[in-house]
Amino acid sequence: MRHWLLGTHCIQTLEVFERREPVLFVANDADDGIWQLIGTTDAGSSGKIGHLYHSIEEDPTLIEVLDLAPGHSASRARVGGSWDRHLG
C-alpha cells in the first residue's frame, strides 16, 4: 500500500495543502481517478497537487476512505468523526 500511496496524486485546497484546515471531504474522481481533499473552505480553482501519502501521514484516519470507488466521495463533520459515503 505504501508504494501505491507514494505514487498517487491528489488535488487539495490551498488550506488543506498548507495544513490550515483538516480534510473533511474526500472524492475519487470518476473521470481521471485523481483524489480530491477538501476542508471547510469551498474548493476553487486554486488547488494544489500533492501526494496522497503526505496527507495520510498528517491524518491517518483518511485510510478509512481509501477504498472509495471512482465517482464516490465521503464527508465528515470533524477529524475523528465518522465518514458518510456518497455516490457521485
N, C-alpha and C. Protein backbone atom coordinates (compact mmCIF):
# COMPACT_ATOMS: atom_id res chain seq x y z
N MET A 1 0.82 -1.19 0.00
CA MET A 1 0.00 0.00 0.00
C MET A 1 0.87 1.25 0.00
N ARG A 2 1.97 1.21 0.67
CA ARG A 2 2.87 2.37 0.72
C ARG A 2 3.30 2.77 -0.69
N HIS A 3 3.62 1.80 -1.53
CA HIS A 3 4.02 2.09 -2.90
C HIS A 3 2.89 2.81 -3.64
N TRP A 4 1.65 2.34 -3.48
CA TRP A 4 0.51 2.98 -4.13
C TRP A 4 0.34 4.41 -3.62
N LEU A 5 0.44 4.60 -2.31
CA LEU A 5 0.29 5.94 -1.74
C LEU A 5 1.37 6.90 -2.23
N LEU A 6 2.59 6.41 -2.33
CA LEU A 6 3.69 7.27 -2.78
C LEU A 6 3.49 7.71 -4.23
N GLY A 7 2.86 6.90 -5.04
CA GLY A 7 2.68 7.22 -6.45
C GLY A 7 1.34 7.83 -6.79
N THR A 8 0.48 8.03 -5.80
CA THR A 8 -0.86 8.54 -6.07
C THR A 8 -0.94 10.02 -5.75
N HIS A 9 -1.36 10.80 -6.74
CA HIS A 9 -1.50 12.24 -6.56
C HIS A 9 -2.91 12.59 -6.10
N CYS A 10 -3.02 13.74 -5.50
CA CYS A 10 -4.32 14.27 -5.10
C CYS A 10 -4.32 15.78 -5.30
N ILE A 11 -5.51 16.31 -5.47
CA ILE A 11 -5.68 17.76 -5.51
C ILE A 11 -6.24 18.16 -4.17
N GLN A 12 -5.63 19.18 -3.59
CA GLN A 12 -6.05 19.65 -2.28
C GLN A 12 -6.36 21.15 -2.36
N THR A 13 -7.30 21.59 -1.56
CA THR A 13 -7.48 23.03 -1.45
C THR A 13 -6.21 23.61 -0.84
N LEU A 14 -5.96 24.87 -1.08
CA LEU A 14 -4.76 25.51 -0.56
C LEU A 14 -4.71 25.39 0.96
N GLU A 15 -5.86 25.52 1.61
CA GLU A 15 -5.91 25.46 3.07
C GLU A 15 -5.54 24.07 3.60
N VAL A 16 -5.96 23.03 2.91
CA VAL A 16 -5.60 21.67 3.30
C VAL A 16 -4.13 21.43 2.99
N PHE A 17 -3.67 21.86 1.83
CA PHE A 17 -2.27 21.67 1.43
C PHE A 17 -1.33 22.32 2.45
N GLU A 18 -1.70 23.50 2.92
CA GLU A 18 -0.86 24.22 3.88
C GLU A 18 -1.15 23.81 5.32
N ARG A 19 -2.01 22.81 5.50
CA ARG A 19 -2.36 22.25 6.80
C ARG A 19 -3.01 23.28 7.74
N ARG A 20 -3.75 24.21 7.14
CA ARG A 20 -4.51 25.18 7.94
C ARG A 20 -5.92 24.69 8.20
N GLU A 21 -6.35 23.67 7.44
CA GLU A 21 -7.67 23.07 7.62
C GLU A 21 -7.54 21.56 7.53
N PRO A 22 -8.38 20.83 8.29
CA PRO A 22 -8.37 19.37 8.19
C PRO A 22 -9.16 18.92 6.96
N VAL A 23 -8.92 17.71 6.53
CA VAL A 23 -9.68 17.13 5.42
C VAL A 23 -11.04 16.67 5.95
N LEU A 24 -12.09 17.23 5.36
CA LEU A 24 -13.45 16.87 5.77
C LEU A 24 -14.24 16.26 4.61
N PHE A 25 -13.70 16.34 3.40
CA PHE A 25 -14.35 15.79 2.21
C PHE A 25 -13.28 15.15 1.34
N VAL A 26 -13.53 13.92 0.93
CA VAL A 26 -12.62 13.17 0.06
C VAL A 26 -13.43 12.65 -1.11
N ALA A 27 -12.88 12.79 -2.32
CA ALA A 27 -13.55 12.26 -3.51
C ALA A 27 -12.54 11.56 -4.38
N ASN A 28 -12.98 10.49 -5.02
CA ASN A 28 -12.18 9.77 -6.01
C ASN A 28 -12.87 10.05 -7.35
N ASP A 29 -12.27 10.92 -8.14
CA ASP A 29 -12.89 11.40 -9.37
C ASP A 29 -13.10 10.28 -10.38
N ALA A 30 -14.29 10.20 -10.94
CA ALA A 30 -14.63 9.14 -11.90
C ALA A 30 -13.92 9.32 -13.23
N ASP A 31 -13.67 10.56 -13.63
CA ASP A 31 -13.07 10.82 -14.95
C ASP A 31 -11.60 10.45 -15.03
N ASP A 32 -10.84 10.88 -14.04
CA ASP A 32 -9.40 10.66 -14.12
C ASP A 32 -8.81 9.91 -12.92
N GLY A 33 -9.66 9.55 -11.94
CA GLY A 33 -9.19 8.79 -10.79
C GLY A 33 -8.36 9.58 -9.81
N ILE A 34 -8.26 10.87 -10.00
CA ILE A 34 -7.47 11.67 -9.05
C ILE A 34 -8.30 11.91 -7.79
N TRP A 35 -7.64 11.91 -6.67
CA TRP A 35 -8.29 12.11 -5.39
C TRP A 35 -8.37 13.59 -5.08
N GLN A 36 -9.46 14.02 -4.45
CA GLN A 36 -9.65 15.41 -4.05
C GLN A 36 -9.80 15.45 -2.53
N LEU A 37 -9.07 16.37 -1.91
CA LEU A 37 -9.12 16.53 -0.46
C LEU A 37 -9.51 17.98 -0.16
N ILE A 38 -10.63 18.15 0.54
CA ILE A 38 -11.18 19.48 0.79
C ILE A 38 -11.46 19.64 2.27
N GLY A 39 -11.24 20.84 2.78
CA GLY A 39 -11.51 21.15 4.18
C GLY A 39 -12.81 21.91 4.32
N THR A 40 -12.81 22.92 5.17
CA THR A 40 -14.01 23.71 5.39
C THR A 40 -14.23 24.78 4.31
N THR A 41 -13.17 25.20 3.66
CA THR A 41 -13.27 26.19 2.60
C THR A 41 -13.66 25.51 1.30
N ASP A 42 -14.62 26.08 0.59
CA ASP A 42 -15.05 25.51 -0.69
C ASP A 42 -13.87 25.41 -1.65
N ALA A 43 -13.89 24.35 -2.44
CA ALA A 43 -12.85 24.17 -3.46
C ALA A 43 -13.04 25.22 -4.54
N GLY A 44 -11.97 25.83 -4.93
CA GLY A 44 -11.99 26.81 -6.01
C GLY A 44 -11.05 26.36 -7.11
N SER A 45 -10.54 27.28 -7.83
CA SER A 45 -9.64 26.95 -8.94
C SER A 45 -8.18 26.97 -8.53
N SER A 46 -7.89 27.17 -7.25
CA SER A 46 -6.50 27.29 -6.81
C SER A 46 -6.03 26.05 -6.05
N GLY A 47 -6.41 24.87 -6.52
CA GLY A 47 -5.98 23.65 -5.86
C GLY A 47 -4.50 23.40 -6.03
N LYS A 48 -3.94 22.63 -5.14
CA LYS A 48 -2.53 22.25 -5.18
C LYS A 48 -2.43 20.74 -5.35
N ILE A 49 -1.48 20.32 -6.15
CA ILE A 49 -1.22 18.89 -6.36
C ILE A 49 -0.24 18.42 -5.29
N GLY A 50 -0.57 17.30 -4.67
CA GLY A 50 0.31 16.70 -3.69
C GLY A 50 0.24 15.19 -3.79
N HIS A 51 1.01 14.52 -2.97
CA HIS A 51 0.94 13.06 -2.90
C HIS A 51 -0.01 12.66 -1.77
N LEU A 52 -0.82 11.68 -2.03
CA LEU A 52 -1.76 11.19 -1.04
C LEU A 52 -1.02 10.73 0.22
N TYR A 53 0.18 10.22 0.04
CA TYR A 53 0.99 9.72 1.15
C TYR A 53 1.16 10.77 2.25
N HIS A 54 1.47 12.00 1.86
CA HIS A 54 1.71 13.05 2.86
C HIS A 54 0.44 13.38 3.64
N SER A 55 -0.69 13.33 2.99
CA SER A 55 -1.95 13.59 3.67
C SER A 55 -2.26 12.49 4.69
N ILE A 56 -1.96 11.25 4.34
CA ILE A 56 -2.17 10.12 5.25
C ILE A 56 -1.23 10.23 6.44
N GLU A 57 0.00 10.67 6.20
CA GLU A 57 0.94 10.88 7.30
C GLU A 57 0.40 11.92 8.28
N GLU A 58 -0.18 12.98 7.74
CA GLU A 58 -0.72 14.06 8.57
C GLU A 58 -1.99 13.62 9.30
N ASP A 59 -2.83 12.84 8.63
CA ASP A 59 -4.11 12.41 9.21
C ASP A 59 -4.37 10.94 8.86
N PRO A 60 -3.91 10.01 9.68
CA PRO A 60 -4.07 8.58 9.39
C PRO A 60 -5.52 8.11 9.28
N THR A 61 -6.48 8.89 9.78
CA THR A 61 -7.88 8.48 9.68
C THR A 61 -8.39 8.51 8.23
N LEU A 62 -7.64 9.13 7.33
CA LEU A 62 -8.02 9.13 5.91
C LEU A 62 -7.97 7.73 5.31
N ILE A 63 -7.22 6.84 5.92
CA ILE A 63 -7.12 5.46 5.43
C ILE A 63 -8.50 4.81 5.36
N GLU A 64 -9.41 5.24 6.23
CA GLU A 64 -10.75 4.66 6.29
C GLU A 64 -11.53 4.83 4.99
N VAL A 65 -11.17 5.79 4.15
CA VAL A 65 -11.92 6.03 2.92
C VAL A 65 -11.11 5.79 1.64
N LEU A 66 -9.97 5.17 1.77
CA LEU A 66 -9.15 4.90 0.58
C LEU A 66 -9.71 3.79 -0.30
N ASP A 67 -10.80 3.18 0.15
CA ASP A 67 -11.44 2.16 -0.68
C ASP A 67 -12.58 2.74 -1.52
N LEU A 68 -12.70 4.07 -1.56
CA LEU A 68 -13.75 4.70 -2.36
C LEU A 68 -13.57 4.35 -3.84
N ALA A 69 -14.62 3.92 -4.46
CA ALA A 69 -14.58 3.62 -5.89
C ALA A 69 -14.58 4.94 -6.67
N PRO A 70 -14.08 4.93 -7.91
CA PRO A 70 -14.15 6.14 -8.72
C PRO A 70 -15.60 6.64 -8.81
N GLY A 71 -15.76 7.96 -8.65
CA GLY A 71 -17.08 8.55 -8.67
C GLY A 71 -17.75 8.64 -7.31
N HIS A 72 -17.08 8.15 -6.28
CA HIS A 72 -17.64 8.18 -4.93
C HIS A 72 -16.89 9.19 -4.08
N SER A 73 -17.54 9.61 -3.00
CA SER A 73 -16.94 10.57 -2.09
C SER A 73 -17.36 10.24 -0.66
N ALA A 74 -16.73 10.92 0.28
CA ALA A 74 -17.07 10.75 1.69
C ALA A 74 -16.85 12.08 2.40
N SER A 75 -17.65 12.32 3.41
CA SER A 75 -17.51 13.56 4.18
C SER A 75 -17.68 13.25 5.67
N ARG A 76 -17.18 14.17 6.47
CA ARG A 76 -17.32 14.06 7.92
C ARG A 76 -17.38 15.47 8.51
N ALA A 77 -17.91 15.58 9.69
CA ALA A 77 -18.07 16.89 10.31
C ALA A 77 -16.79 17.37 10.99
N ARG A 78 -15.94 16.42 11.40
CA ARG A 78 -14.72 16.78 12.13
C ARG A 78 -13.72 15.64 12.03
N VAL A 79 -12.46 15.93 12.28
CA VAL A 79 -11.44 14.90 12.30
C VAL A 79 -11.78 13.92 13.42
N GLY A 80 -11.72 12.65 13.11
CA GLY A 80 -12.08 11.62 14.09
C GLY A 80 -13.54 11.25 14.04
N GLY A 81 -14.35 12.06 13.35
CA GLY A 81 -15.76 11.75 13.20
C GLY A 81 -15.97 10.64 12.18
N SER A 82 -17.16 10.09 12.16
CA SER A 82 -17.42 9.02 11.21
C SER A 82 -17.63 9.60 9.81
N TRP A 83 -17.22 8.83 8.82
CA TRP A 83 -17.35 9.22 7.42
C TRP A 83 -18.71 8.82 6.89
N ASP A 84 -19.35 9.72 6.18
CA ASP A 84 -20.58 9.43 5.44
C ASP A 84 -20.19 9.28 3.98
N ARG A 85 -20.53 8.16 3.38
CA ARG A 85 -20.14 7.89 1.99
C ARG A 85 -21.27 8.30 1.04
N HIS A 86 -20.86 8.77 -0.15
CA HIS A 86 -21.81 9.27 -1.15
C HIS A 86 -21.41 8.75 -2.53
N LEU A 87 -22.43 8.52 -3.35
CA LEU A 87 -22.20 8.20 -4.75
C LEU A 87 -22.28 9.49 -5.53
N GLY A 88 -21.25 9.76 -6.31
CA GLY A 88 -21.26 10.98 -7.12
C GLY A 88 -20.71 12.17 -6.42
